[in-house]
Amino acid sequence: MEVSKRMEMLERKSSIDTEPMTLHFDQIENAREEAICVIKTKTFQEAMDIFTKETQDSLKAREENREKYANKKNDDDDEEERLVFLSPHGWDIASAPF
C-alpha cells in the first residue's frame, strides 16, 4: 500500500477543525438580547438554572465517571491477580519488551 493511501485512511483533521467556532458579532448581540429576556422574565433561580444547565450536567457526568473509575479500580484490586503479576512465573517472557 502506498503512502498516500495510508494517509487518506487516517482521515486526519486539521487542529482548526477541532477548535470551537467563533461567534459573529450579530450572534453575540442575539445571545445578549436573549439573556436579557431571560433575566427580565424569569426568577433569579430559574435564570441561573438556564445559564448553568450545561455546566451542571458536565459536572455530574464527570463525577459519575470518577465514581465508575474508582469502583472499577476497587473491583480489579484482587489479591490473587496481584500475586500472579508479581510472580516471574506469571509473566509472558516471550513478549516482554526487554
PDB file of N, CA and C in Angstrom:
ATOM      1  N   MET A   1       0.850  -1.179   0.000  1.00  0.00           N
ATOM      2  CA  MET A   1       0.000   0.000   0.000  1.00  0.00           C
ATOM      3  C   MET A   1       0.890   1.235   0.000  1.00  0.00           C
ATOM      4  N   GLU A   2       0.603   2.149  -0.877  1.00  0.00           N
ATOM      5  CA  GLU A   2       1.454   3.327  -0.971  1.00  0.00           C
ATOM      6  C   GLU A   2       1.110   4.327   0.131  1.00  0.00           C
ATOM      7  N   VAL A   3       2.018   5.245   0.356  1.00  0.00           N
ATOM      8  CA  VAL A   3       1.922   6.193   1.466  1.00  0.00           C
ATOM      9  C   VAL A   3       0.676   7.064   1.372  1.00  0.00           C
ATOM     10  N   SER A   4       0.340   7.552   0.191  1.00  0.00           N
ATOM     11  CA  SER A   4      -0.811   8.447   0.056  1.00  0.00           C
ATOM     12  C   SER A   4      -2.110   7.750   0.448  1.00  0.00           C
ATOM     13  N   LYS A   5      -2.231   6.476   0.126  1.00  0.00           N
ATOM     14  CA  LYS A   5      -3.431   5.735   0.525  1.00  0.00           C
ATOM     15  C   LYS A   5      -3.485   5.573   2.033  1.00  0.00           C
ATOM     16  N   ARG A   6      -2.338   5.346   2.651  1.00  0.00           N
ATOM     17  CA  ARG A   6      -2.293   5.230   4.106  1.00  0.00           C
ATOM     18  C   ARG A   6      -2.719   6.539   4.756  1.00  0.00           C
ATOM     19  N   MET A   7      -2.252   7.643   4.211  1.00  0.00           N
ATOM     20  CA  MET A   7      -2.603   8.947   4.765  1.00  0.00           C
ATOM     21  C   MET A   7      -4.099   9.209   4.625  1.00  0.00           C
ATOM     22  N   GLU A   8      -4.681   8.830   3.501  1.00  0.00           N
ATOM     23  CA  GLU A   8      -6.109   9.004   3.313  1.00  0.00           C
ATOM     24  C   GLU A   8      -6.889   8.173   4.322  1.00  0.00           C
ATOM     25  N   MET A   9      -6.393   6.999   4.644  1.00  0.00           N
ATOM     26  CA  MET A   9      -7.082   6.123   5.587  1.00  0.00           C
ATOM     27  C   MET A   9      -7.095   6.725   6.986  1.00  0.00           C
ATOM     28  N   LEU A  10      -6.078   7.491   7.314  1.00  0.00           N
ATOM     29  CA  LEU A  10      -6.016   8.084   8.645  1.00  0.00           C
ATOM     30  C   LEU A  10      -7.084   9.148   8.839  1.00  0.00           C
ATOM     31  N   GLU A  11      -7.513   9.781   7.766  1.00  0.00           N
ATOM     32  CA  GLU A  11      -8.528  10.822   7.800  1.00  0.00           C
ATOM     33  C   GLU A  11      -8.232  11.851   8.885  1.00  0.00           C
ATOM     34  N   ARG A  12      -7.060  12.404   8.826  1.00  0.00           N
ATOM     35  CA  ARG A  12      -6.656  13.391   9.817  1.00  0.00           C
ATOM     36  C   ARG A  12      -7.417  14.689   9.615  1.00  0.00           C
ATOM     37  N   LYS A  13      -7.678  15.337  10.741  1.00  0.00           N
ATOM     38  CA  LYS A  13      -8.320  16.641  10.702  1.00  0.00           C
ATOM     39  C   LYS A  13      -7.323  17.690  11.160  1.00  0.00           C
ATOM     40  N   SER A  14      -7.431  18.829  10.565  1.00  0.00           N
ATOM     41  CA  SER A  14      -6.600  19.945  10.987  1.00  0.00           C
ATOM     42  C   SER A  14      -7.029  20.345  12.398  1.00  0.00           C
ATOM     43  N   SER A  15      -6.104  20.846  13.188  1.00  0.00           N
ATOM     44  CA  SER A  15      -6.447  21.252  14.549  1.00  0.00           C
ATOM     45  C   SER A  15      -7.492  22.348  14.558  1.00  0.00           C
ATOM     46  N   ILE A  16      -7.544  23.136  13.506  1.00  0.00           N
ATOM     47  CA  ILE A  16      -8.545  24.204  13.463  1.00  0.00           C
ATOM     48  C   ILE A  16      -9.956  23.627  13.353  1.00  0.00           C
ATOM     49  N   ASP A  17     -10.083  22.417  12.811  1.00  0.00           N
ATOM     50  CA  ASP A  17     -11.390  21.770  12.723  1.00  0.00           C
ATOM     51  C   ASP A  17     -11.915  21.347  14.082  1.00  0.00           C
ATOM     52  N   THR A  18     -11.034  21.146  15.023  1.00  0.00           N
ATOM     53  CA  THR A  18     -11.455  20.709  16.354  1.00  0.00           C
ATOM     54  C   THR A  18     -11.638  21.862  17.326  1.00  0.00           C
ATOM     55  N   GLU A  19     -11.265  23.068  16.917  1.00  0.00           N
ATOM     56  CA  GLU A  19     -11.417  24.248  17.773  1.00  0.00           C
ATOM     57  C   GLU A  19     -12.873  24.689  17.797  1.00  0.00           C
ATOM     58  N   PRO A  20     -13.327  25.266  18.909  1.00  0.00           N
ATOM     59  CA  PRO A  20     -14.690  25.785  18.942  1.00  0.00           C
ATOM     60  C   PRO A  20     -14.859  26.911  17.929  1.00  0.00           C
ATOM     61  N   MET A  21     -16.037  26.986  17.368  1.00  0.00           N
ATOM     62  CA  MET A  21     -16.322  28.030  16.387  1.00  0.00           C
ATOM     63  C   MET A  21     -16.437  29.377  17.086  1.00  0.00           C
ATOM     64  N   THR A  22     -15.991  30.420  16.428  1.00  0.00           N
ATOM     65  CA  THR A  22     -16.100  31.774  16.948  1.00  0.00           C
ATOM     66  C   THR A  22     -17.435  32.350  16.511  1.00  0.00           C
ATOM     67  N   LEU A  23     -18.123  33.032  17.431  1.00  0.00           N
ATOM     68  CA  LEU A  23     -19.391  33.656  17.084  1.00  0.00           C
ATOM     69  C   LEU A  23     -19.159  34.948  16.328  1.00  0.00           C
ATOM     70  N   HIS A  24     -20.052  35.227  15.408  1.00  0.00           N
ATOM     71  CA  HIS A  24     -20.026  36.504  14.703  1.00  0.00           C
ATOM     72  C   HIS A  24     -20.678  37.555  15.605  1.00  0.00           C
ATOM     73  N   PHE A  25     -20.430  38.821  15.296  1.00  0.00           N
ATOM     74  CA  PHE A  25     -20.933  39.911  16.131  1.00  0.00           C
ATOM     75  C   PHE A  25     -22.456  39.859  16.270  1.00  0.00           C
ATOM     76  N   ASP A  26     -23.182  39.583  15.183  1.00  0.00           N
ATOM     77  CA  ASP A  26     -24.640  39.531  15.258  1.00  0.00           C
ATOM     78  C   ASP A  26     -25.118  38.375  16.146  1.00  0.00           C
ATOM     79  N   GLN A  27     -24.377  37.274  16.169  1.00  0.00           N
ATOM     80  CA  GLN A  27     -24.728  36.155  17.042  1.00  0.00           C
ATOM     81  C   GLN A  27     -24.514  36.519  18.517  1.00  0.00           C
ATOM     82  N   ILE A  28     -23.461  37.269  18.792  1.00  0.00           N
ATOM     83  CA  ILE A  28     -23.203  37.715  20.166  1.00  0.00           C
ATOM     84  C   ILE A  28     -24.304  38.669  20.612  1.00  0.00           C
ATOM     85  N   GLU A  29     -24.683  39.590  19.747  1.00  0.00           N
ATOM     86  CA  GLU A  29     -25.764  40.526  20.067  1.00  0.00           C
ATOM     87  C   GLU A  29     -27.064  39.783  20.335  1.00  0.00           C
ATOM     88  N   ASN A  30     -27.370  38.791  19.514  1.00  0.00           N
ATOM     89  CA  ASN A  30     -28.579  37.993  19.700  1.00  0.00           C
ATOM     90  C   ASN A  30     -28.542  37.256  21.037  1.00  0.00           C
ATOM     91  N   ALA A  31     -27.401  36.695  21.387  1.00  0.00           N
ATOM     92  CA  ALA A  31     -27.261  35.999  22.663  1.00  0.00           C
ATOM     93  C   ALA A  31     -27.463  36.954  23.837  1.00  0.00           C
ATOM     94  N   ARG A  32     -26.932  38.166  23.724  1.00  0.00           N
ATOM     95  CA  ARG A  32     -27.132  39.170  24.776  1.00  0.00           C
ATOM     96  C   ARG A  32     -28.609  39.506  24.943  1.00  0.00           C
ATOM     97  N   GLU A  33     -29.306  39.717  23.807  1.00  0.00           N
ATOM     98  CA  GLU A  33     -30.730  40.036  23.860  1.00  0.00           C
ATOM     99  C   GLU A  33     -31.539  38.906  24.503  1.00  0.00           C
ATOM    100  N   GLU A  34     -31.199  37.673  24.145  1.00  0.00           N
ATOM    101  CA  GLU A  34     -31.897  36.521  24.730  1.00  0.00           C
ATOM    102  C   GLU A  34     -31.614  36.417  26.228  1.00  0.00           C
ATOM    103  N   ALA A  35     -30.387  36.688  26.622  1.00  0.00           N
ATOM    104  CA  ALA A  35     -30.039  36.639  28.050  1.00  0.00           C
ATOM    105  C   ALA A  35     -30.797  37.708  28.832  1.00  0.00           C
ATOM    106  N   ILE A  36     -30.895  38.900  28.270  1.00  0.00           N
ATOM    107  CA  ILE A  36     -31.652  39.972  28.935  1.00  0.00           C
ATOM    108  C   ILE A  36     -33.118  39.581  29.061  1.00  0.00           C
ATOM    109  N   CYS A  37     -33.668  38.957  28.023  1.00  0.00           N
ATOM    110  CA  CYS A  37     -35.055  38.494  28.063  1.00  0.00           C
ATOM    111  C   CYS A  37     -35.254  37.468  29.176  1.00  0.00           C
ATOM    112  N   VAL A  38     -34.323  36.531  29.313  1.00  0.00           N
ATOM    113  CA  VAL A  38     -34.418  35.517  30.370  1.00  0.00           C
ATOM    114  C   VAL A  38     -34.356  36.185  31.736  1.00  0.00           C
ATOM    115  N   ILE A  39     -33.448  37.126  31.906  1.00  0.00           N
ATOM    116  CA  ILE A  39     -33.292  37.802  33.204  1.00  0.00           C
ATOM    117  C   ILE A  39     -34.548  38.590  33.566  1.00  0.00           C
ATOM    118  N   LYS A  40     -35.163  39.210  32.570  1.00  0.00           N
ATOM    119  CA  LYS A  40     -36.357  40.018  32.834  1.00  0.00           C
ATOM    120  C   LYS A  40     -37.603  39.176  33.089  1.00  0.00           C
ATOM    121  N   THR A  41     -37.700  37.993  32.485  1.00  0.00           N
ATOM    122  CA  THR A  41     -38.941  37.211  32.559  1.00  0.00           C
ATOM    123  C   THR A  41     -38.883  36.044  33.534  1.00  0.00           C
ATOM    124  N   LYS A  42     -37.734  35.703  34.053  1.00  0.00           N
ATOM    125  CA  LYS A  42     -37.587  34.550  34.952  1.00  0.00           C
ATOM    126  C   LYS A  42     -37.130  35.018  36.325  1.00  0.00           C
ATOM    127  N   THR A  43     -37.366  34.151  37.305  1.00  0.00           N
ATOM    128  CA  THR A  43     -36.841  34.441  38.630  1.00  0.00           C
ATOM    129  C   THR A  43     -35.327  34.254  38.592  1.00  0.00           C
ATOM    130  N   PHE A  44     -34.667  34.738  39.630  1.00  0.00           N
ATOM    131  CA  PHE A  44     -33.212  34.610  39.693  1.00  0.00           C
ATOM    132  C   PHE A  44     -32.794  33.151  39.614  1.00  0.00           C
ATOM    133  N   GLN A  45     -33.466  32.285  40.374  1.00  0.00           N
ATOM    134  CA  GLN A  45     -33.092  30.865  40.393  1.00  0.00           C
ATOM    135  C   GLN A  45     -33.336  30.202  39.042  1.00  0.00           C
ATOM    136  N   GLU A  46     -34.464  30.525  38.387  1.00  0.00           N
ATOM    137  CA  GLU A  46     -34.740  29.965  37.068  1.00  0.00           C
ATOM    138  C   GLU A  46     -33.685  30.412  36.048  1.00  0.00           C
ATOM    139  N   ALA A  47     -33.320  31.679  36.103  1.00  0.00           N
ATOM    140  CA  ALA A  47     -32.293  32.194  35.193  1.00  0.00           C
ATOM    141  C   ALA A  47     -30.961  31.498  35.436  1.00  0.00           C
ATOM    142  N   MET A  48     -30.587  31.323  36.679  1.00  0.00           N
ATOM    143  CA  MET A  48     -29.330  30.634  36.995  1.00  0.00           C
ATOM    144  C   MET A  48     -29.359  29.196  36.485  1.00  0.00           C
ATOM    145  N   ASP A  49     -30.503  28.530  36.639  1.00  0.00           N
ATOM    146  CA  ASP A  49     -30.627  27.155  36.134  1.00  0.00           C
ATOM    147  C   ASP A  49     -30.456  27.113  34.616  1.00  0.00           C
ATOM    148  N   ILE A  50     -31.050  28.078  33.924  1.00  0.00           N
ATOM    149  CA  ILE A  50     -30.941  28.127  32.464  1.00  0.00           C
ATOM    150  C   ILE A  50     -29.496  28.375  32.042  1.00  0.00           C
ATOM    151  N   PHE A  51     -28.837  29.323  32.680  1.00  0.00           N
ATOM    152  CA  PHE A  51     -27.484  29.706  32.271  1.00  0.00           C
ATOM    153  C   PHE A  51     -26.419  28.687  32.677  1.00  0.00           C
ATOM    154  N   THR A  52     -26.701  27.879  33.679  1.00  0.00           N
ATOM    155  CA  THR A  52     -25.682  26.945  34.163  1.00  0.00           C
ATOM    156  C   THR A  52     -26.049  25.485  33.927  1.00  0.00           C
ATOM    157  N   LYS A  53     -27.099  25.200  33.166  1.00  0.00           N
ATOM    158  CA  LYS A  53     -27.540  23.821  32.964  1.00  0.00           C
ATOM    159  C   LYS A  53     -26.441  22.938  32.384  1.00  0.00           C
ATOM    160  N   GLU A  54     -25.792  23.376  31.307  1.00  0.00           N
ATOM    161  CA  GLU A  54     -24.747  22.554  30.694  1.00  0.00           C
ATOM    162  C   GLU A  54     -23.573  22.345  31.640  1.00  0.00           C
ATOM    163  N   THR A  55     -23.229  23.359  32.384  1.00  0.00           N
ATOM    164  CA  THR A  55     -22.135  23.231  33.337  1.00  0.00           C
ATOM    165  C   THR A  55     -22.478  22.199  34.400  1.00  0.00           C
ATOM    166  N   GLN A  56     -23.694  22.259  34.910  1.00  0.00           N
ATOM    167  CA  GLN A  56     -24.125  21.302  35.935  1.00  0.00           C
ATOM    168  C   GLN A  56     -24.139  19.888  35.370  1.00  0.00           C
ATOM    169  N   ASP A  57     -24.637  19.722  34.137  1.00  0.00           N
ATOM    170  CA  ASP A  57     -24.659  18.399  33.511  1.00  0.00           C
ATOM    171  C   ASP A  57     -23.244  17.862  33.314  1.00  0.00           C
ATOM    172  N   SER A  58     -22.333  18.728  32.905  1.00  0.00           N
ATOM    173  CA  SER A  58     -20.941  18.308  32.707  1.00  0.00           C
ATOM    174  C   SER A  58     -20.301  17.879  34.019  1.00  0.00           C
ATOM    175  N   LEU A  59     -20.563  18.637  35.075  1.00  0.00           N
ATOM    176  CA  LEU A  59     -20.002  18.295  36.377  1.00  0.00           C
ATOM    177  C   LEU A  59     -20.560  16.974  36.887  1.00  0.00           C
ATOM    178  N   LYS A  60     -21.854  16.739  36.677  1.00  0.00           N
ATOM    179  CA  LYS A  60     -22.462  15.471  37.091  1.00  0.00           C
ATOM    180  C   LYS A  60     -21.849  14.312  36.325  1.00  0.00           C
ATOM    181  N   ALA A  61     -21.697  14.468  35.020  1.00  0.00           N
ATOM    182  CA  ALA A  61     -21.114  13.407  34.200  1.00  0.00           C
ATOM    183  C   ALA A  61     -19.678  13.117  34.619  1.00  0.00           C
ATOM    184  N   ARG A  62     -18.918  14.165  34.909  1.00  0.00           N
ATOM    185  CA  ARG A  62     -17.533  13.979  35.345  1.00  0.00           C
ATOM    186  C   ARG A  62     -17.483  13.214  36.665  1.00  0.00           C
ATOM    187  N   GLU A  63     -18.360  13.561  37.591  1.00  0.00           N
ATOM    188  CA  GLU A  63     -18.389  12.881  38.884  1.00  0.00           C
ATOM    189  C   GLU A  63     -18.791  11.416  38.722  1.00  0.00           C
ATOM    190  N   GLU A  64     -19.767  11.145  37.838  1.00  0.00           N
ATOM    191  CA  GLU A  64     -20.172   9.762  37.586  1.00  0.00           C
ATOM    192  C   GLU A  64     -19.012   8.956  37.006  1.00  0.00           C
ATOM    193  N   ASN A  65     -18.254   9.551  36.095  1.00  0.00           N
ATOM    194  CA  ASN A  65     -17.097   8.860  35.518  1.00  0.00           C
ATOM    195  C   ASN A  65     -16.045   8.582  36.576  1.00  0.00           C
ATOM    196  N   ARG A  66     -15.821   9.528  37.470  1.00  0.00           N
ATOM    197  CA  ARG A  66     -14.851   9.310  38.553  1.00  0.00           C
ATOM    198  C   ARG A  66     -15.293   8.155  39.453  1.00  0.00           C
ATOM    199  N   GLU A  67     -16.599   8.111  39.766  1.00  0.00           N
ATOM    200  CA  GLU A  67     -17.106   7.038  40.616  1.00  0.00           C
ATOM    201  C   GLU A  67     -16.966   5.687  39.928  1.00  0.00           C
ATOM    202  N   LYS A  68     -17.273   5.632  38.620  1.00  0.00           N
ATOM    203  CA  LYS A  68     -17.131   4.376  37.875  1.00  0.00           C
ATOM    204  C   LYS A  68     -15.679   3.919  37.892  1.00  0.00           C
ATOM    205  N   TYR A  69     -14.751   4.858  37.679  1.00  0.00           N
ATOM    206  CA  TYR A  69     -13.332   4.508  37.667  1.00  0.00           C
ATOM    207  C   TYR A  69     -12.891   4.011  39.037  1.00  0.00           C
ATOM    208  N   ALA A  70     -13.359   4.687  40.095  1.00  0.00           N
ATOM    209  CA  ALA A  70     -12.982   4.283  41.448  1.00  0.00           C
ATOM    210  C   ALA A  70     -13.534   2.896  41.761  1.00  0.00           C
ATOM    211  N   ASN A  71     -14.775   2.632  41.361  1.00  0.00           N
ATOM    212  CA  ASN A  71     -15.374   1.316  41.594  1.00  0.00           C
ATOM    213  C   ASN A  71     -14.651   0.241  40.801  1.00  0.00           C
ATOM    214  N   LYS A  72     -14.311   0.553  39.563  1.00  0.00           N
ATOM    215  CA  LYS A  72     -13.599  -0.419  38.734  1.00  0.00           C
ATOM    216  C   LYS A  72     -12.223  -0.711  39.320  1.00  0.00           C
ATOM    217  N   LYS A  73     -11.562   0.333  39.787  1.00  0.00           N
ATOM    218  CA  LYS A  73     -10.243   0.159  40.371  1.00  0.00           C
ATOM    219  C   LYS A  73     -10.327  -0.736  41.609  1.00  0.00           C
ATOM    220  N   ASN A  74     -11.357  -0.555  42.425  1.00  0.00           N
ATOM    221  CA  ASN A  74     -11.536  -1.395  43.614  1.00  0.00           C
ATOM    222  C   ASN A  74     -11.890  -2.828  43.236  1.00  0.00           C
ATOM    223  N   ASP A  75     -12.685  -3.013  42.171  1.00  0.00           N
ATOM    224  CA  ASP A  75     -13.054  -4.349  41.726  1.00  0.00           C
ATOM    225  C   ASP A  75     -11.841  -5.111  41.201  1.00  0.00           C
ATOM    226  N   ASP A  76     -10.941  -4.396  40.551  1.00  0.00           N
ATOM    227  CA  ASP A  76      -9.761  -5.026  39.967  1.00  0.00           C
ATOM    228  C   ASP A  76      -8.678  -5.304  41.008  1.00  0.00           C
ATOM    229  N   ASP A  77      -8.871  -4.863  42.191  1.00  0.00           N
ATOM    230  CA  ASP A  77      -7.859  -4.990  43.230  1.00  0.00           C
ATOM    231  C   ASP A  77      -7.951  -6.366  43.889  1.00  0.00           C
ATOM    232  N   ASP A  78      -7.701  -7.402  43.121  1.00  0.00           N
ATOM    233  CA  ASP A  78      -7.796  -8.778  43.602  1.00  0.00           C
ATOM    234  C   ASP A  78      -6.400  -9.257  44.018  1.00  0.00           C
ATOM    235  N   GLU A  79      -6.301  -9.793  45.216  1.00  0.00           N
ATOM    236  CA  GLU A  79      -5.008 -10.218  45.761  1.00  0.00           C
ATOM    237  C   GLU A  79      -4.340 -11.276  44.888  1.00  0.00           C
ATOM    238  N   GLU A  80      -5.107 -12.237  44.401  1.00  0.00           N
ATOM    239  CA  GLU A  80      -4.514 -13.301  43.592  1.00  0.00           C
ATOM    240  C   GLU A  80      -3.944 -12.749  42.288  1.00  0.00           C
ATOM    241  N   GLU A  81      -4.677 -11.818  41.666  1.00  0.00           N
ATOM    242  CA  GLU A  81      -4.179 -11.238  40.424  1.00  0.00           C
ATOM    243  C   GLU A  81      -2.869 -10.501  40.662  1.00  0.00           C
ATOM    244  N   ARG A  82      -2.755  -9.810  41.765  1.00  0.00           N
ATOM    245  CA  ARG A  82      -1.510  -9.100  42.057  1.00  0.00           C
ATOM    246  C   ARG A  82      -0.377 -10.083  42.298  1.00  0.00           C
ATOM    247  N   LEU A  83      -0.655 -11.181  42.965  1.00  0.00           N
ATOM    248  CA  LEU A  83       0.394 -12.154  43.227  1.00  0.00           C
ATOM    249  C   LEU A  83       0.878 -12.816  41.941  1.00  0.00           C
ATOM    250  N   VAL A  84      -0.047 -13.126  41.024  1.00  0.00           N
ATOM    251  CA  VAL A  84       0.341 -13.715  39.746  1.00  0.00           C
ATOM    252  C   VAL A  84       1.209 -12.733  38.972  1.00  0.00           C
ATOM    253  N   PHE A  85       0.831 -11.448  38.998  1.00  0.00           N
ATOM    254  CA  PHE A  85       1.610 -10.443  38.279  1.00  0.00           C
ATOM    255  C   PHE A  85       3.013 -10.311  38.868  1.00  0.00           C
ATOM    256  N   LEU A  86       3.120 -10.388  40.185  1.00  0.00           N
ATOM    257  CA  LEU A  86       4.424 -10.225  40.819  1.00  0.00           C
ATOM    258  C   LEU A  86       5.298 -11.457  40.670  1.00  0.00           C
ATOM    259  N   SER A  87       4.691 -12.603  40.465  1.00  0.00           N
ATOM    260  CA  SER A  87       5.462 -13.832  40.310  1.00  0.00           C
ATOM    261  C   SER A  87       6.076 -13.885  38.914  1.00  0.00           C
ATOM    262  N   PRO A  88       7.389 -14.166  38.799  1.00  0.00           N
ATOM    263  CA  PRO A  88       8.002 -14.254  37.472  1.00  0.00           C
ATOM    264  C   PRO A  88       7.425 -15.387  36.635  1.00  0.00           C
ATOM    265  N   HIS A  89       6.789 -16.374  37.287  1.00  0.00           N
ATOM    266  CA  HIS A  89       6.204 -17.481  36.539  1.00  0.00           C
ATOM    267  C   HIS A  89       4.907 -17.052  35.850  1.00  0.00           C
ATOM    268  N   GLY A  90       4.316 -15.929  36.264  1.00  0.00           N
ATOM    269  CA  GLY A  90       3.093 -15.434  35.650  1.00  0.00           C
ATOM    270  C   GLY A  90       3.346 -14.496  34.492  1.00  0.00           C
ATOM    271  N   TRP A  91       4.610 -14.191  34.228  1.00  0.00           N
ATOM    272  CA  TRP A  91       4.932 -13.264  33.144  1.00  0.00           C
ATOM    273  C   TRP A  91       5.018 -14.001  31.819  1.00  0.00           C
ATOM    274  N   ASP A  92       4.721 -13.306  30.765  1.00  0.00           N
ATOM    275  CA  ASP A  92       4.879 -13.839  29.423  1.00  0.00           C
ATOM    276  C   ASP A  92       6.247 -13.377  28.921  1.00  0.00           C
ATOM    277  N   ILE A  93       7.241 -14.191  29.142  1.00  0.00           N
ATOM    278  CA  ILE A  93       8.617 -13.816  28.853  1.00  0.00           C
ATOM    279  C   ILE A  93       8.831 -13.573  27.358  1.00  0.00           C
ATOM    280  N   ALA A  94       8.146 -14.353  26.505  1.00  0.00           N
ATOM    281  CA  ALA A  94       8.368 -14.240  25.066  1.00  0.00           C
ATOM    282  C   ALA A  94       7.932 -12.884  24.527  1.00  0.00           C
ATOM    283  N   SER A  95       6.967 -12.236  25.180  1.00  0.00           N
ATOM    284  CA  SER A  95       6.500 -10.960  24.649  1.00  0.00           C
ATOM    285  C   SER A  95       7.029  -9.768  25.443  1.00  0.00           C
ATOM    286  N   ALA A  96       7.932 -10.017  26.376  1.00  0.00           N
ATOM    287  CA  ALA A  96       8.490  -8.915  27.156  1.00  0.00           C
ATOM    288  C   ALA A  96       9.298  -8.006  26.239  1.00  0.00           C
ATOM    289  N   PRO A  97       9.181  -6.689  26.417  1.00  0.00           N
ATOM    290  CA  PRO A  97       9.858  -5.765  25.506  1.00  0.00           C
ATOM    291  C   PRO A  97      11.350  -5.618  25.760  1.00  0.00           C
ATOM    292  N   PHE A  98      11.917  -6.266  26.740  1.00  0.00           N
ATOM    293  CA  PHE A  98      13.335  -6.087  27.020  1.00  0.00           C
ATOM    294  C   PHE A  98      14.098  -7.371  26.874  1.00  0.00           C
TER     295      PHE A  98
END
